[in-house]
Amino acid sequence: MWTILIIVIGLAIGAVTMIRNRDIAYGLVIIWAYAGILIKHMSEDGFAGQYSGIITTVIACIVLMGVAIGYVLFAKKQAPPILK
């Protein structure tokens, strides 16, 4: 349960940072890290699929981060506010 919570919190922090800075590099790093977690949990040398909740959560987070990256790439770019 704690692992799933931390994975979701990591996604939230990464997505908010990426969207605020309009920089997909943050999202790509999260996807890279979560792909490593997924590989470890699914490989025979790792956890061999023992924790299906974690696997499902990581896959969902990768998909959601992909959607957030698409949003950053294709959303209208607003003009930055004028600093006084």
PDB file of N, CA and C in Angstrom:
ATOM      1  N   MET A   1       0.810  -1.196   0.000  1.00  0.00           N
ATOM      2  CA  MET A   1       0.000   0.000   0.000  1.00  0.00           C
ATOM      3  C   MET A   1       0.855   1.261   0.000  1.00  0.00           C
ATOM      4  N   TRP A   2       1.912   1.285   0.823  1.00  0.00           N
ATOM      5  CA  TRP A   2       2.785   2.457   0.874  1.00  0.00           C
ATOM      6  C   TRP A   2       3.478   2.682  -0.458  1.00  0.00           C
ATOM      7  N   THR A   3       3.896   1.615  -1.093  1.00  0.00           N
ATOM      8  CA  THR A   3       4.587   1.738  -2.371  1.00  0.00           C
ATOM      9  C   THR A   3       3.678   2.376  -3.411  1.00  0.00           C
ATOM     10  N   ILE A   4       2.439   1.933  -3.455  1.00  0.00           N
ATOM     11  CA  ILE A   4       1.481   2.483  -4.415  1.00  0.00           C
ATOM     12  C   ILE A   4       1.258   3.970  -4.143  1.00  0.00           C
ATOM     13  N   LEU A   5       1.130   4.335  -2.889  1.00  0.00           N
ATOM     14  CA  LEU A   5       0.930   5.734  -2.527  1.00  0.00           C
ATOM     15  C   LEU A   5       2.116   6.592  -2.968  1.00  0.00           C
ATOM     16  N   ILE A   6       3.319   6.125  -2.730  1.00  0.00           N
ATOM     17  CA  ILE A   6       4.515   6.881  -3.104  1.00  0.00           C
ATOM     18  C   ILE A   6       4.626   6.998  -4.622  1.00  0.00           C
ATOM     19  N   ILE A   7       4.278   5.952  -5.351  1.00  0.00           N
ATOM     20  CA  ILE A   7       4.308   5.999  -6.816  1.00  0.00           C
ATOM     21  C   ILE A   7       3.337   7.063  -7.328  1.00  0.00           C
ATOM     22  N   VAL A   8       2.144   7.107  -6.770  1.00  0.00           N
ATOM     23  CA  VAL A   8       1.141   8.091  -7.192  1.00  0.00           C
ATOM     24  C   VAL A   8       1.576   9.511  -6.811  1.00  0.00           C
ATOM     25  N   ILE A   9       2.145   9.680  -5.630  1.00  0.00           N
ATOM     26  CA  ILE A   9       2.641  11.000  -5.222  1.00  0.00           C
ATOM     27  C   ILE A   9       3.769  11.449  -6.150  1.00  0.00           C
ATOM     28  N   GLY A  10       4.653  10.535  -6.517  1.00  0.00           N
ATOM     29  CA  GLY A  10       5.721  10.859  -7.462  1.00  0.00           C
ATOM     30  C   GLY A  10       5.172  11.309  -8.804  1.00  0.00           C
ATOM     31  N   LEU A  11       4.124  10.633  -9.267  1.00  0.00           N
ATOM     32  CA  LEU A  11       3.474  11.028 -10.517  1.00  0.00           C
ATOM     33  C   LEU A  11       2.903  12.435 -10.392  1.00  0.00           C
ATOM     34  N   ALA A  12       2.218  12.711  -9.299  1.00  0.00           N
ATOM     35  CA  ALA A  12       1.597  14.025  -9.112  1.00  0.00           C
ATOM     36  C   ALA A  12       2.645  15.140  -9.088  1.00  0.00           C
ATOM     37  N   ILE A  13       3.713  14.933  -8.346  1.00  0.00           N
ATOM     38  CA  ILE A  13       4.772  15.943  -8.273  1.00  0.00           C
ATOM     39  C   ILE A  13       5.409  16.143  -9.643  1.00  0.00           C
ATOM     40  N   GLY A  14       5.713  15.052 -10.325  1.00  0.00           N
ATOM     41  CA  GLY A  14       6.325  15.145 -11.650  1.00  0.00           C
ATOM     42  C   GLY A  14       5.423  15.822 -12.663  1.00  0.00           C
ATOM     43  N   ALA A  15       4.140  15.487 -12.654  1.00  0.00           N
ATOM     44  CA  ALA A  15       3.204  16.071 -13.619  1.00  0.00           C
ATOM     45  C   ALA A  15       3.008  17.563 -13.368  1.00  0.00           C
ATOM     46  N   VAL A  16       2.836  17.942 -12.110  1.00  0.00           N
ATOM     47  CA  VAL A  16       2.652  19.362 -11.792  1.00  0.00           C
ATOM     48  C   VAL A  16       3.891  20.160 -12.174  1.00  0.00           C
ATOM     49  N   THR A  17       5.065  19.650 -11.854  1.00  0.00           N
ATOM     50  CA  THR A  17       6.308  20.335 -12.201  1.00  0.00           C
ATOM     51  C   THR A  17       6.446  20.465 -13.710  1.00  0.00           C
ATOM     52  N   MET A  18       6.151  19.388 -14.430  1.00  0.00           N
ATOM     53  CA  MET A  18       6.269  19.406 -15.880  1.00  0.00           C
ATOM     54  C   MET A  18       5.298  20.413 -16.493  1.00  0.00           C
ATOM     55  N   ILE A  19       4.064  20.422 -16.041  1.00  0.00           N
ATOM     56  CA  ILE A  19       3.061  21.322 -16.614  1.00  0.00           C
ATOM     57  C   ILE A  19       3.374  22.776 -16.265  1.00  0.00           C
ATOM     58  N   ARG A  20       3.781  23.043 -15.047  1.00  0.00           N
ATOM     59  CA  ARG A  20       4.115  24.424 -14.661  1.00  0.00           C
ATOM     60  C   ARG A  20       5.300  24.959 -15.446  1.00  0.00           C
ATOM     61  N   ASN A  21       6.315  24.128 -15.639  1.00  0.00           N
ATOM     62  CA  ASN A  21       7.516  24.570 -16.352  1.00  0.00           C
ATOM     63  C   ASN A  21       7.413  24.373 -17.863  1.00  0.00           C
ATOM     64  N   ARG A  22       6.358  23.691 -18.300  1.00  0.00           N
ATOM     65  CA  ARG A  22       6.144  23.379 -19.711  1.00  0.00           C
ATOM     66  C   ARG A  22       7.398  22.736 -20.315  1.00  0.00           C
ATOM     67  N   ASP A  23       7.930  21.747 -19.607  1.00  0.00           N
ATOM     68  CA  ASP A  23       9.155  21.057 -20.007  1.00  0.00           C
ATOM     69  C   ASP A  23       8.930  19.554 -19.878  1.00  0.00           C
ATOM     70  N   ILE A  24       8.884  18.866 -21.022  1.00  0.00           N
ATOM     71  CA  ILE A  24       8.560  17.440 -20.999  1.00  0.00           C
ATOM     72  C   ILE A  24       9.684  16.582 -20.432  1.00  0.00           C
ATOM     73  N   ALA A  25      10.855  17.161 -20.227  1.00  0.00           N
ATOM     74  CA  ALA A  25      11.966  16.380 -19.672  1.00  0.00           C
ATOM     75  C   ALA A  25      11.603  15.799 -18.305  1.00  0.00           C
ATOM     76  N   TYR A  26      10.865  16.547 -17.509  1.00  0.00           N
ATOM     77  CA  TYR A  26      10.436  16.045 -16.195  1.00  0.00           C
ATOM     78  C   TYR A  26       9.581  14.787 -16.361  1.00  0.00           C
ATOM     79  N   GLY A  27       8.659  14.830 -17.299  1.00  0.00           N
ATOM     80  CA  GLY A  27       7.784  13.687 -17.543  1.00  0.00           C
ATOM     81  C   GLY A  27       8.527  12.488 -18.089  1.00  0.00           C
ATOM     82  N   LEU A  28       9.491  12.748 -18.975  1.00  0.00           N
ATOM     83  CA  LEU A  28      10.263  11.644 -19.547  1.00  0.00           C
ATOM     84  C   LEU A  28      11.093  10.935 -18.481  1.00  0.00           C
ATOM     85  N   VAL A  29      11.611  11.691 -17.529  1.00  0.00           N
ATOM     86  CA  VAL A  29      12.380  11.079 -16.434  1.00  0.00           C
ATOM     87  C   VAL A  29      11.476  10.195 -15.575  1.00  0.00           C
ATOM     88  N   ILE A  30      10.257  10.661 -15.300  1.00  0.00           N
ATOM     89  CA  ILE A  30       9.308   9.855 -14.515  1.00  0.00           C
ATOM     90  C   ILE A  30       8.971   8.569 -15.266  1.00  0.00           C
ATOM     91  N   ILE A  31       8.722   8.680 -16.569  1.00  0.00           N
ATOM     92  CA  ILE A  31       8.420   7.481 -17.358  1.00  0.00           C
ATOM     93  C   ILE A  31       9.601   6.521 -17.341  1.00  0.00           C
ATOM     94  N   TRP A  32      10.807   7.043 -17.468  1.00  0.00           N
ATOM     95  CA  TRP A  32      12.011   6.209 -17.453  1.00  0.00           C
ATOM     96  C   TRP A  32      12.135   5.474 -16.112  1.00  0.00           C
ATOM     97  N   ALA A  33      11.929   6.195 -15.021  1.00  0.00           N
ATOM     98  CA  ALA A  33      12.033   5.577 -13.694  1.00  0.00           C
ATOM     99  C   ALA A  33      10.942   4.531 -13.486  1.00  0.00           C
ATOM    100  N   TYR A  34       9.718   4.854 -13.874  1.00  0.00           N
ATOM    101  CA  TYR A  34       8.612   3.918 -13.689  1.00  0.00           C
ATOM    102  C   TYR A  34       8.744   2.710 -14.603  1.00  0.00           C
ATOM    103  N   ALA A  35       9.345   2.891 -15.775  1.00  0.00           N
ATOM    104  CA  ALA A  35       9.607   1.741 -16.648  1.00  0.00           C
ATOM    105  C   ALA A  35      10.605   0.798 -15.981  1.00  0.00           C
ATOM    106  N   GLY A  36      11.601   1.358 -15.302  1.00  0.00           N
ATOM    107  CA  GLY A  36      12.551   0.529 -14.564  1.00  0.00           C
ATOM    108  C   GLY A  36      11.883  -0.247 -13.440  1.00  0.00           C
ATOM    109  N   ILE A  37      10.974   0.411 -12.733  1.00  0.00           N
ATOM    110  CA  ILE A  37      10.222  -0.271 -11.674  1.00  0.00           C
ATOM    111  C   ILE A  37       9.385  -1.391 -12.268  1.00  0.00           C
ATOM    112  N   LEU A  38       8.729  -1.112 -13.391  1.00  0.00           N
ATOM    113  CA  LEU A  38       7.890  -2.118 -14.051  1.00  0.00           C
ATOM    114  C   LEU A  38       8.719  -3.318 -14.498  1.00  0.00           C
ATOM    115  N   ILE A  39       9.863  -3.066 -15.097  1.00  0.00           N
ATOM    116  CA  ILE A  39      10.730  -4.162 -15.546  1.00  0.00           C
ATOM    117  C   ILE A  39      11.179  -5.008 -14.357  1.00  0.00           C
ATOM    118  N   LYS A  40      11.559  -4.359 -13.274  1.00  0.00           N
ATOM    119  CA  LYS A  40      11.998  -5.086 -12.076  1.00  0.00           C
ATOM    120  C   LYS A  40      10.876  -5.961 -11.519  1.00  0.00           C
ATOM    121  N   HIS A  41       9.672  -5.447 -11.507  1.00  0.00           N
ATOM    122  CA  HIS A  41       8.551  -6.194 -10.935  1.00  0.00           C
ATOM    123  C   HIS A  41       8.053  -7.311 -11.843  1.00  0.00           C
ATOM    124  N   MET A  42       8.312  -7.210 -13.142  1.00  0.00           N
ATOM    125  CA  MET A  42       7.806  -8.230 -14.056  1.00  0.00           C
ATOM    126  C   MET A  42       8.851  -9.278 -14.441  1.00  0.00           C
ATOM    127  N   SER A  43      10.133  -8.990 -14.212  1.00  0.00           N
ATOM    128  CA  SER A  43      11.172  -9.931 -14.627  1.00  0.00           C
ATOM    129  C   SER A  43      11.290 -11.104 -13.655  1.00  0.00           C
ATOM    130  N   GLU A  44      11.743 -12.209 -14.182  1.00  0.00           N
ATOM    131  CA  GLU A  44      11.951 -13.407 -13.360  1.00  0.00           C
ATOM    132  C   GLU A  44      13.052 -13.182 -12.323  1.00  0.00           C
ATOM    133  N   ASP A  45      14.046 -12.366 -12.670  1.00  0.00           N
ATOM    134  CA  ASP A  45      15.123 -12.067 -11.723  1.00  0.00           C
ATOM    135  C   ASP A  45      14.687 -11.074 -10.648  1.00  0.00           C
ATOM    136  N   GLY A  46      13.589 -10.381 -10.895  1.00  0.00           N
ATOM    137  CA  GLY A  46      13.075  -9.401  -9.938  1.00  0.00           C
ATOM    138  C   GLY A  46      12.017 -10.029  -9.056  1.00  0.00           C
ATOM    139  N   PHE A  47      10.842  -9.433  -9.077  1.00  0.00           N
ATOM    140  CA  PHE A  47       9.758  -9.912  -8.225  1.00  0.00           C
ATOM    141  C   PHE A  47       8.811 -10.859  -8.948  1.00  0.00           C
ATOM    142  N   ALA A  48       9.045 -11.108 -10.224  1.00  0.00           N
ATOM    143  CA  ALA A  48       8.308 -12.097 -11.024  1.00  0.00           C
ATOM    144  C   ALA A  48       6.789 -11.900 -10.970  1.00  0.00           C
ATOM    145  N   GLY A  49       6.352 -10.655 -10.985  1.00  0.00           N
ATOM    146  CA  GLY A  49       4.922 -10.378 -11.033  1.00  0.00           C
ATOM    147  C   GLY A  49       4.165 -10.630  -9.746  1.00  0.00           C
ATOM    148  N   GLN A  50       4.856 -10.712  -8.625  1.00  0.00           N
ATOM    149  CA  GLN A  50       4.204 -11.001  -7.339  1.00  0.00           C
ATOM    150  C   GLN A  50       3.245  -9.904  -6.893  1.00  0.00           C
ATOM    151  N   TYR A  51       3.553  -8.672  -7.216  1.00  0.00           N
ATOM    152  CA  TYR A  51       2.795  -7.531  -6.696  1.00  0.00           C
ATOM    153  C   TYR A  51       1.987  -6.888  -7.822  1.00  0.00           C
ATOM    154  N   SER A  52       0.843  -7.469  -8.105  1.00  0.00           N
ATOM    155  CA  SER A  52       0.036  -7.005  -9.237  1.00  0.00           C
ATOM    156  C   SER A  52      -0.497  -5.588  -9.026  1.00  0.00           C
ATOM    157  N   GLY A  53      -0.735  -5.196  -7.801  1.00  0.00           N
ATOM    158  CA  GLY A  53      -1.202  -3.834  -7.533  1.00  0.00           C
ATOM    159  C   GLY A  53      -0.175  -2.790  -7.926  1.00  0.00           C
ATOM    160  N   ILE A  54       1.082  -3.076  -7.629  1.00  0.00           N
ATOM    161  CA  ILE A  54       2.158  -2.152  -7.986  1.00  0.00           C
ATOM    162  C   ILE A  54       2.319  -2.113  -9.501  1.00  0.00           C
ATOM    163  N   ILE A  55       2.264  -3.258 -10.145  1.00  0.00           N
ATOM    164  CA  ILE A  55       2.399  -3.323 -11.603  1.00  0.00           C
ATOM    165  C   ILE A  55       1.287  -2.518 -12.270  1.00  0.00           C
ATOM    166  N   THR A  56       0.063  -2.703 -11.818  1.00  0.00           N
ATOM    167  CA  THR A  56      -1.075  -1.978 -12.385  1.00  0.00           C
ATOM    168  C   THR A  56      -0.928  -0.476 -12.165  1.00  0.00           C
ATOM    169  N   THR A  57      -0.513  -0.088 -10.973  1.00  0.00           N
ATOM    170  CA  THR A  57      -0.339   1.329 -10.661  1.00  0.00           C
ATOM    171  C   THR A  57       0.739   1.958 -11.524  1.00  0.00           C
ATOM    172  N   VAL A  58       1.861   1.270 -11.691  1.00  0.00           N
ATOM    173  CA  VAL A  58       2.958   1.810 -12.489  1.00  0.00           C
ATOM    174  C   VAL A  58       2.533   1.957 -13.949  1.00  0.00           C
ATOM    175  N   ILE A  59       1.833   0.972 -14.487  1.00  0.00           N
ATOM    176  CA  ILE A  59       1.361   1.068 -15.873  1.00  0.00           C
ATOM    177  C   ILE A  59       0.407   2.253 -16.017  1.00  0.00           C
ATOM    178  N   ALA A  60      -0.520   2.398 -15.083  1.00  0.00           N
ATOM    179  CA  ALA A  60      -1.466   3.520 -15.131  1.00  0.00           C
ATOM    180  C   ALA A  60      -0.736   4.861 -15.037  1.00  0.00           C
ATOM    181  N   CYS A  61       0.279   4.937 -14.192  1.00  0.00           N
ATOM    182  CA  CYS A  61       1.034   6.179 -14.040  1.00  0.00           C
ATOM    183  C   CYS A  61       1.822   6.511 -15.300  1.00  0.00           C
ATOM    184  N   ILE A  62       2.378   5.507 -15.952  1.00  0.00           N
ATOM    185  CA  ILE A  62       3.092   5.740 -17.208  1.00  0.00           C
ATOM    186  C   ILE A  62       2.130   6.288 -18.260  1.00  0.00           C
ATOM    187  N   VAL A  63       0.951   5.698 -18.347  1.00  0.00           N
ATOM    188  CA  VAL A  63      -0.049   6.172 -19.312  1.00  0.00           C
ATOM    189  C   VAL A  63      -0.471   7.605 -18.985  1.00  0.00           C
ATOM    190  N   LEU A  64      -0.747   7.882 -17.716  1.00  0.00           N
ATOM    191  CA  LEU A  64      -1.156   9.233 -17.321  1.00  0.00           C
ATOM    192  C   LEU A  64      -0.063  10.265 -17.589  1.00  0.00           C
ATOM    193  N   MET A  65       1.183   9.888 -17.353  1.00  0.00           N
ATOM    194  CA  MET A  65       2.271  10.822 -17.639  1.00  0.00           C
ATOM    195  C   MET A  65       2.387  11.050 -19.144  1.00  0.00           C
ATOM    196  N   GLY A  66       2.143  10.011 -19.930  1.00  0.00           N
ATOM    197  CA  GLY A  66       2.126  10.176 -21.383  1.00  0.00           C
ATOM    198  C   GLY A  66       1.050  11.158 -21.823  1.00  0.00           C
ATOM    199  N   VAL A  67      -0.111  11.080 -21.204  1.00  0.00           N
ATOM    200  CA  VAL A  67      -1.199  12.023 -21.498  1.00  0.00           C
ATOM    201  C   VAL A  67      -0.783  13.442 -21.104  1.00  0.00           C
ATOM    202  N   ALA A  68      -0.152  13.584 -19.956  1.00  0.00           N
ATOM    203  CA  ALA A  68       0.300  14.903 -19.503  1.00  0.00           C
ATOM    204  C   ALA A  68       1.364  15.468 -20.446  1.00  0.00           C
ATOM    205  N   ILE A  69       2.245  14.615 -20.943  1.00  0.00           N
ATOM    206  CA  ILE A  69       3.244  15.059 -21.920  1.00  0.00           C
ATOM    207  C   ILE A  69       2.545  15.538 -23.190  1.00  0.00           C
ATOM    208  N   GLY A  70       1.550  14.793 -23.641  1.00  0.00           N
ATOM    209  CA  GLY A  70       0.774  15.217 -24.808  1.00  0.00           C
ATOM    210  C   GLY A  70       0.116  16.564 -24.579  1.00  0.00           C
ATOM    211  N   TYR A  71      -0.402  16.780 -23.389  1.00  0.00           N
ATOM    212  CA  TYR A  71      -1.014  18.066 -23.047  1.00  0.00           C
ATOM    213  C   TYR A  71       0.008  19.192 -23.162  1.00  0.00           C
ATOM    214  N   VAL A  72       1.199  18.983 -22.603  1.00  0.00           N
ATOM    215  CA  VAL A  72       2.232  20.021 -22.651  1.00  0.00           C
ATOM    216  C   VAL A  72       2.648  20.293 -24.095  1.00  0.00           C
ATOM    217  N   LEU A  73       2.749  19.252 -24.900  1.00  0.00           N
ATOM    218  CA  LEU A  73       3.191  19.427 -26.282  1.00  0.00           C
ATOM    219  C   LEU A  73       2.145  20.111 -27.159  1.00  0.00           C
ATOM    220  N   PHE A  74       0.876  19.813 -26.937  1.00  0.00           N
ATOM    221  CA  PHE A  74      -0.146  20.257 -27.871  1.00  0.00           C
ATOM    222  C   PHE A  74      -1.084  21.337 -27.341  1.00  0.00           C
ATOM    223  N   ALA A  75      -0.999  21.690 -26.080  1.00  0.00           N
ATOM    224  CA  ALA A  75      -1.868  22.742 -25.531  1.00  0.00           C
ATOM    225  C   ALA A  75      -1.385  24.100 -26.024  1.00  0.00           C
ATOM    226  N   LYS A  76      -2.318  25.022 -26.118  1.00  0.00           N
ATOM    227  CA  LYS A  76      -1.938  26.376 -26.521  1.00  0.00           C
ATOM    228  C   LYS A  76      -0.979  26.951 -25.495  1.00  0.00           C
ATOM    229  N   LYS A  77       0.056  27.564 -25.997  1.00  0.00           N
ATOM    230  CA  LYS A  77       1.016  28.188 -25.097  1.00  0.00           C
ATOM    231  C   LYS A  77       0.530  29.594 -24.783  1.00  0.00           C
ATOM    232  N   GLN A  78       0.358  29.870 -23.512  1.00  0.00           N
ATOM    233  CA  GLN A  78      -0.091  31.190 -23.087  1.00  0.00           C
ATOM    234  C   GLN A  78       1.114  32.104 -22.964  1.00  0.00           C
ATOM    235  N   ALA A  79       0.892  33.358 -23.225  1.00  0.00           N
ATOM    236  CA  ALA A  79       1.962  34.334 -23.068  1.00  0.00           C
ATOM    237  C   ALA A  79       2.303  34.448 -21.586  1.00  0.00           C
ATOM    238  N   PRO A  80       3.582  34.540 -21.265  1.00  0.00           N
ATOM    239  CA  PRO A  80       3.950  34.669 -19.849  1.00  0.00           C
ATOM    240  C   PRO A  80       3.451  36.002 -19.295  1.00  0.00           C
ATOM    241  N   PRO A  81       3.112  36.034 -18.023  1.00  0.00           N
ATOM    242  CA  PRO A  81       2.643  37.297 -17.435  1.00  0.00           C
ATOM    243  C   PRO A  81       3.761  38.332 -17.428  1.00  0.00           C
ATOM    244  N   ILE A  82       3.368  39.572 -17.568  1.00  0.00           N
ATOM    245  CA  ILE A  82       4.351  40.658 -17.558  1.00  0.00           C
ATOM    246  C   ILE A  82       4.784  40.899 -16.115  1.00  0.00           C
ATOM    247  N   LEU A  83       6.077  40.880 -15.916  1.00  0.00           N
ATOM    248  CA  LEU A  83       6.615  41.112 -14.574  1.00  0.00           C
ATOM    249  C   LEU A  83       6.759  42.605 -14.341  1.00  0.00           C
ATOM    250  N   LYS A  84       6.337  43.066 -13.192  1.00  0.00           N
ATOM    251  CA  LYS A  84       6.430  44.505 -12.886  1.00  0.00           C
ATOM    252  C   LYS A  84       7.597  44.777 -11.996  1.00  0.00           C
TER     253      LYS A  84
END
